[in-house]
Protein backbone atom coordinates (compact mmCIF):
# COMPACT_ATOMS: atom_id res chain seq x y z
CA MET A 1 -4.53 21.53 -21.60
CA GLU A 2 -2.78 24.89 -21.98
CA ARG A 3 -5.92 26.82 -21.05
CA ASP A 4 -6.65 24.59 -18.05
CA GLU A 5 -10.09 23.64 -19.39
CA PHE A 6 -10.09 20.04 -18.14
CA PHE A 7 -11.33 19.15 -14.68
CA LEU A 8 -12.25 15.99 -12.79
CA ASN A 9 -15.45 14.76 -11.24
CA TYR A 10 -15.44 11.91 -8.74
CA GLN A 11 -18.14 9.22 -8.67
CA PRO A 12 -18.28 7.29 -5.40
CA TYR A 13 -18.76 3.57 -4.90
CA PHE A 14 -19.84 1.88 -1.69
CA GLY A 15 -19.34 -1.44 0.06
CA LEU A 16 -22.55 -3.45 0.29
CA GLY A 17 -21.65 -5.00 3.63
CA ASP A 18 -21.41 -2.00 5.96
CA ARG A 19 -22.26 0.80 3.49
CA HIS A 20 -18.78 2.33 3.81
CA LEU A 21 -17.40 4.67 1.17
CA ALA A 22 -14.94 2.41 -0.66
CA GLY A 23 -13.62 4.88 -3.20
CA PHE A 24 -14.18 7.24 -6.11
CA GLU A 25 -13.70 6.91 -9.87
CA ALA A 26 -12.04 9.92 -11.50
CA LEU A 27 -13.97 11.15 -14.55
CA VAL A 28 -12.46 13.79 -16.84
CA ARG A 29 -14.61 16.64 -18.20
CA TRP A 30 -13.87 19.43 -20.69
CA ASN A 31 -15.22 22.91 -19.97
CA HIS A 32 -15.09 24.37 -23.49
CA PRO A 33 -15.10 28.21 -23.65
CA THR A 34 -17.88 28.36 -26.29
CA ARG A 35 -19.49 24.89 -26.40
CA GLY A 36 -19.77 24.47 -22.65
CA LEU A 37 -19.36 21.13 -20.90
CA ILE A 38 -18.18 18.36 -23.22
CA SER A 39 -18.46 14.69 -22.25
CA PRO A 40 -15.40 12.43 -22.60
CA VAL A 41 -17.51 10.34 -24.99
CA ASP A 42 -17.11 13.21 -27.46
CA PHE A 43 -13.37 13.81 -27.15
CA ILE A 44 -11.48 10.79 -25.77
CA GLN A 45 -11.49 8.90 -29.09
CA LEU A 46 -10.16 12.00 -30.87
CA ALA A 47 -7.52 12.38 -28.17
CA GLU A 48 -6.44 8.79 -28.81
CA GLU A 49 -6.33 9.30 -32.59
CA THR A 50 -4.16 12.39 -32.26
CA GLY A 51 -1.93 11.02 -29.50
CA LEU A 52 -3.07 13.71 -27.07
CA ILE A 53 -4.43 10.99 -24.78
CA HIS A 54 -0.91 10.78 -23.30
CA PRO A 55 -0.67 14.32 -21.85
CA ILE A 56 -4.36 14.22 -20.89
CA GLY A 57 -3.91 10.86 -19.20
CA ASP A 58 -0.81 12.08 -17.36
CA TRP A 59 -2.72 15.10 -16.08
CA VAL A 60 -5.70 12.99 -14.96
CA LEU A 61 -3.45 10.60 -13.06
CA ARG A 62 -1.59 13.33 -11.21
CA GLU A 63 -4.68 15.41 -10.48
CA ALA A 64 -6.59 12.37 -9.19
CA CYS A 65 -3.71 11.33 -6.93
CA ARG A 66 -3.29 14.89 -5.65
CA GLU A 67 -6.98 15.21 -4.85
CA ALA A 68 -7.23 11.75 -3.26
CA GLN A 69 -4.48 12.70 -0.84
CA ARG A 70 -6.98 15.17 0.67
CA TRP A 71 -9.57 12.53 1.52
CA PRO A 72 -9.58 11.42 5.14
CA ALA A 73 -10.68 8.08 6.52
CA ALA A 74 -14.22 8.29 7.92
CA ARG A 75 -13.12 6.48 11.08
CA PRO A 76 -9.63 6.08 12.59
CA ALA A 77 -9.53 2.34 11.85
CA ASP A 78 -10.53 2.80 8.21
CA ARG A 79 -8.39 3.28 5.13
CA ALA A 80 -9.12 6.49 3.27
CA PRO A 81 -11.14 6.03 0.04
CA SER A 82 -9.41 4.65 -3.04
CA ILE A 83 -9.13 6.56 -6.31
CA ASN A 84 -9.83 4.71 -9.56
CA VAL A 85 -8.20 6.06 -12.73
CA ASN A 86 -8.97 4.74 -16.21
CA VAL A 87 -6.06 3.76 -18.44
CA SER A 88 -6.57 3.62 -22.21
CA ALA A 89 -5.17 1.06 -24.63
CA LEU A 90 -2.55 3.52 -25.87
CA GLN A 91 -1.45 4.37 -22.35
CA ILE A 92 -1.02 0.77 -21.21
CA HIS A 93 1.45 0.13 -24.02
CA GLU A 94 3.16 3.49 -23.70
CA PRO A 95 6.86 3.29 -22.80
CA GLY A 96 7.36 4.92 -19.43
CA LEU A 97 3.86 4.39 -18.02
CA VAL A 98 5.18 2.63 -14.92
CA ALA A 99 7.67 5.43 -14.28
CA LYS A 100 4.91 8.04 -14.65
CA VAL A 101 2.70 6.22 -12.12
CA ALA A 102 5.61 5.92 -9.69
CA ALA A 103 6.40 9.64 -10.07
CA ALA A 104 2.76 10.66 -9.52
CA LEU A 105 2.64 8.63 -6.31
CA LYS A 106 5.94 10.00 -5.05
CA ASP A 107 5.16 13.63 -5.88
CA THR A 108 1.67 13.58 -4.32
CA GLY A 109 2.50 11.32 -1.37
CA LEU A 110 -0.48 9.05 -2.09
CA ASP A 111 -0.39 5.57 -0.60
CA PRO A 112 0.01 3.27 -3.66
CA ALA A 113 -2.57 0.85 -2.24
CA ARG A 114 -5.20 3.58 -2.64
CA LEU A 115 -4.65 3.89 -6.41
CA VAL A 116 -6.70 1.56 -8.62
CA LEU A 117 -5.92 1.58 -12.35
CA GLU A 118 -8.94 0.53 -14.45
CA ILE A 119 -8.32 -1.24 -17.75
CA THR A 120 -11.11 -2.45 -20.02
CA GLU A 121 -11.38 -6.16 -20.69
CA GLY A 122 -10.94 -5.60 -24.42
CA VAL A 123 -7.59 -3.85 -23.86
CA LEU A 124 -6.35 -6.77 -21.78
CA MET A 125 -6.98 -9.16 -24.65
CA ARG A 126 -4.73 -7.21 -27.03
CA ARG A 127 -1.03 -8.01 -26.93
CA VAL A 128 -1.67 -10.15 -23.88
CA VAL A 129 1.94 -11.09 -23.09
CA GLU A 130 3.14 -7.47 -23.23
CA THR A 131 0.17 -6.29 -21.19
CA VAL A 132 0.82 -8.83 -18.44
CA VAL A 133 4.41 -7.61 -18.15
CA VAL A 134 3.25 -4.01 -17.70
CA LEU A 135 0.64 -5.03 -15.13
CA GLN A 136 3.23 -6.96 -13.15
CA GLU A 137 5.51 -3.92 -13.11
CA LEU A 138 2.62 -1.77 -11.89
CA ARG A 139 1.81 -4.34 -9.23
CA ALA A 140 5.40 -4.07 -8.02
CA LEU A 141 4.57 -0.44 -7.14
CA ASP A 142 1.80 -1.78 -4.84
CA VAL A 143 -0.96 -0.12 -6.87
CA ARG A 144 -4.11 -2.13 -7.52
CA MET A 145 -5.65 -3.09 -10.86
CA ALA A 146 -9.25 -3.47 -11.99
CA ILE A 147 -10.88 -4.89 -15.11
CA ASP A 148 -13.53 -2.42 -16.26
CA ASP A 149 -16.69 -3.42 -18.19
CA PHE A 150 -16.12 -7.05 -17.24
CA GLY A 151 -18.15 -9.56 -19.24
CA THR A 152 -18.14 -7.58 -22.49
CA GLY A 153 -14.66 -8.36 -23.80
CA TYR A 154 -14.88 -12.14 -24.19
CA SER A 155 -11.69 -12.76 -22.28
CA SER A 156 -10.37 -16.23 -21.66
CA LEU A 157 -10.61 -17.39 -18.07
CA SER A 158 -7.23 -19.06 -18.51
CA TYR A 159 -5.73 -15.60 -19.05
CA LEU A 160 -7.78 -14.02 -16.28
CA GLN A 161 -6.38 -16.26 -13.56
CA ASP A 162 -2.84 -15.25 -14.52
CA LEU A 163 -3.44 -11.49 -14.54
CA PRO A 164 -2.34 -9.53 -11.44
CA MET A 165 -5.82 -8.13 -10.81
CA ASP A 166 -7.55 -6.99 -7.62
CA MET A 167 -11.00 -5.94 -8.83
CA ILE A 168 -13.53 -6.63 -11.56
CA LYS A 169 -16.35 -4.24 -12.41
CA ILE A 170 -19.63 -5.68 -13.67
CA ASP A 171 -20.72 -3.83 -16.81
CA LYS A 172 -23.90 -1.78 -16.57
CA SER A 173 -25.57 -3.89 -19.27
CA PHE A 174 -25.69 -6.83 -16.84
CA VAL A 175 -26.97 -4.67 -13.99
CA ASP A 176 -29.83 -3.11 -15.97
CA HIS A 177 -31.89 -6.31 -15.98
CA LEU A 178 -31.69 -7.08 -12.27
CA GLY A 179 -34.99 -7.20 -10.40
CA ILE A 180 -37.33 -6.74 -13.37
CA GLY A 181 -39.46 -9.80 -12.63
CA ARG A 182 -37.66 -12.62 -14.39
CA ASP A 183 -34.32 -14.28 -13.90
CA GLU A 184 -31.97 -11.90 -15.63
CA SER A 185 -29.26 -12.15 -12.97
CA SER A 186 -27.35 -15.07 -14.50
CA MET A 187 -24.43 -13.04 -15.94
CA ALA A 188 -24.09 -10.88 -12.84
CA LYS A 189 -24.20 -14.02 -10.71
CA VAL A 190 -21.51 -15.73 -12.80
CA ILE A 191 -19.24 -12.68 -12.57
CA VAL A 192 -19.68 -12.51 -8.80
CA GLN A 193 -18.81 -16.19 -8.56
CA ILE A 194 -15.71 -15.66 -10.72
CA GLY A 195 -14.66 -12.86 -8.41
CA GLU A 196 -15.14 -15.04 -5.35
CA THR A 197 -13.18 -17.91 -6.90
CA LEU A 198 -10.25 -15.70 -7.89
CA GLN A 199 -10.48 -13.64 -4.66
CA LEU A 200 -11.18 -10.40 -6.51
CA GLU A 201 -13.33 -7.52 -5.29
CA VAL A 202 -16.47 -7.22 -7.42
CA VAL A 203 -17.98 -3.79 -8.09
CA ALA A 204 -21.27 -3.38 -9.99
CA GLU A 205 -21.51 -0.30 -12.22
CA GLY A 206 -24.58 1.63 -13.35
CA VAL A 207 -26.78 0.93 -10.32
CA GLU A 208 -29.83 3.15 -10.72
CA HIS A 209 -32.55 1.49 -8.63
CA GLN A 210 -32.86 0.15 -5.09
CA VAL A 211 -34.05 -3.22 -6.38
CA GLN A 212 -30.69 -3.59 -8.14
CA VAL A 213 -28.89 -2.91 -4.87
CA GLU A 214 -30.92 -5.61 -3.17
CA SER A 215 -30.35 -8.11 -5.98
CA LEU A 216 -26.60 -7.49 -6.02
CA LYS A 217 -26.39 -7.85 -2.26
CA ALA A 218 -28.22 -11.19 -2.51
CA LEU A 219 -25.74 -12.33 -5.17
CA GLY A 220 -22.81 -11.53 -2.89
CA CYS A 221 -21.46 -8.52 -4.80
CA ASP A 222 -18.93 -6.52 -2.78
CA SER A 223 -19.53 -2.92 -3.86
CA VAL A 224 -21.86 -0.82 -6.01
CA GLN A 225 -21.57 2.36 -8.07
CA GLY A 226 -24.23 4.36 -9.88
CA PHE A 227 -26.61 7.31 -9.93
CA HIS A 228 -28.91 5.72 -7.32
CA LEU A 229 -26.10 5.96 -4.78
CA GLY A 230 -24.19 9.01 -5.88
CA ARG A 231 -23.65 11.02 -9.05
CA PRO A 232 -20.21 12.35 -10.01
CA LEU A 233 -19.14 15.00 -7.53
CA SER A 234 -16.95 18.07 -7.65
CA ALA A 235 -13.64 17.89 -5.82
CA ILE A 236 -15.10 19.90 -2.94
CA ASP A 237 -18.13 17.65 -2.56
CA ALA A 238 -15.89 14.57 -2.74
CA VAL A 239 -13.95 15.85 0.27
CA ASP A 240 -17.23 16.50 2.12
CA LEU A 241 -18.45 13.00 1.34
CA ALA A 242 -15.21 11.37 2.42
CA THR A 243 -15.42 13.31 5.67
CA SER A 244 -19.02 12.74 6.64
CA ALA A 245 -21.11 10.35 4.58
CA SER A 246 -19.85 6.94 5.68
CA PRO A 247 -21.95 6.02 8.73
CA PRO A 248 -20.31 3.95 11.48
CA PRO A 249 -22.12 0.78 12.61
CA GLY A 250 -25.16 1.59 14.70
CA ILE A 251 -25.78 5.02 13.18
CA ASP A 252 -29.22 5.21 11.60
CA ARG A 253 -28.88 6.30 7.98
CA ASN A 254 -31.96 8.57 8.25
CA THR A 255 -30.31 10.70 10.92
CA TYR A 256 -26.77 10.67 9.59
CA PRO A 257 -25.77 13.98 7.94
CA THR A 258 -25.39 14.07 4.16
CA THR A 259 -23.32 16.36 1.99
CA SER A 260 -24.39 19.12 -0.35
CA ALA A 261 -24.53 16.48 -3.08
CA THR A 262 -27.56 14.97 -1.25
CA LEU A 263 -26.17 11.47 -1.54
CA ARG A 264 -28.56 8.57 -0.94
CA LEU A 265 -26.85 5.97 1.22
CA ILE A 266 -27.46 2.28 0.70
CA THR A 267 -30.29 0.90 2.77
CA PRO A 268 -29.49 -2.00 5.12
């Protein structure tokens, strides 16, 4: 933190209906001076064990909000892309989290409706009553909430319908099997149906093949995220994408300009 070695990448996700750029997920990276680029898989758990997840999480939130404020809407009638920020188990139960989110929004000027806080399903099932209180306080700020890795945490549907959620993200493990020749879409289908019933946006993670895009569209999934559509981008490339890569209706995707990230847009 002191040496400014952390930075953020931004992975886009897209609406399946009109192929619009719906938002980005902020992903923290560590540029170590001798070991090079270190994945969060290798340091987030240690950060949680040492308590350093709090200053790191605070920095990620503010940096993501600051950067998102730079993203324009692709068309005048559109809302600018959302920014999704992951919140750990320690952060969600940290005293002062709501105040920190409010301060980040005020200081950066970001529209609260463009901030989506992602919380894993497993975290939601711990200390449920306390967690619901925190989520309700965050909702009062007009930020949105998403359940990450949905379907892996064995949550009770009775709890789910009472949570102030706006989005559920289908875990990659359920997306991997789509379109491989036998009916492996049952879990993804169930999750989409849950989202429809509870009026939640459904985003599929880990989409790596066009056949998965087609299967998810057939199931009625709202949005998709994954390497097939766009890898994590630098802050500069994220601005370029927000500016130019969301084609208006009637624009042929093969003639629409792409960014330096060479993003592959969703086929109709």
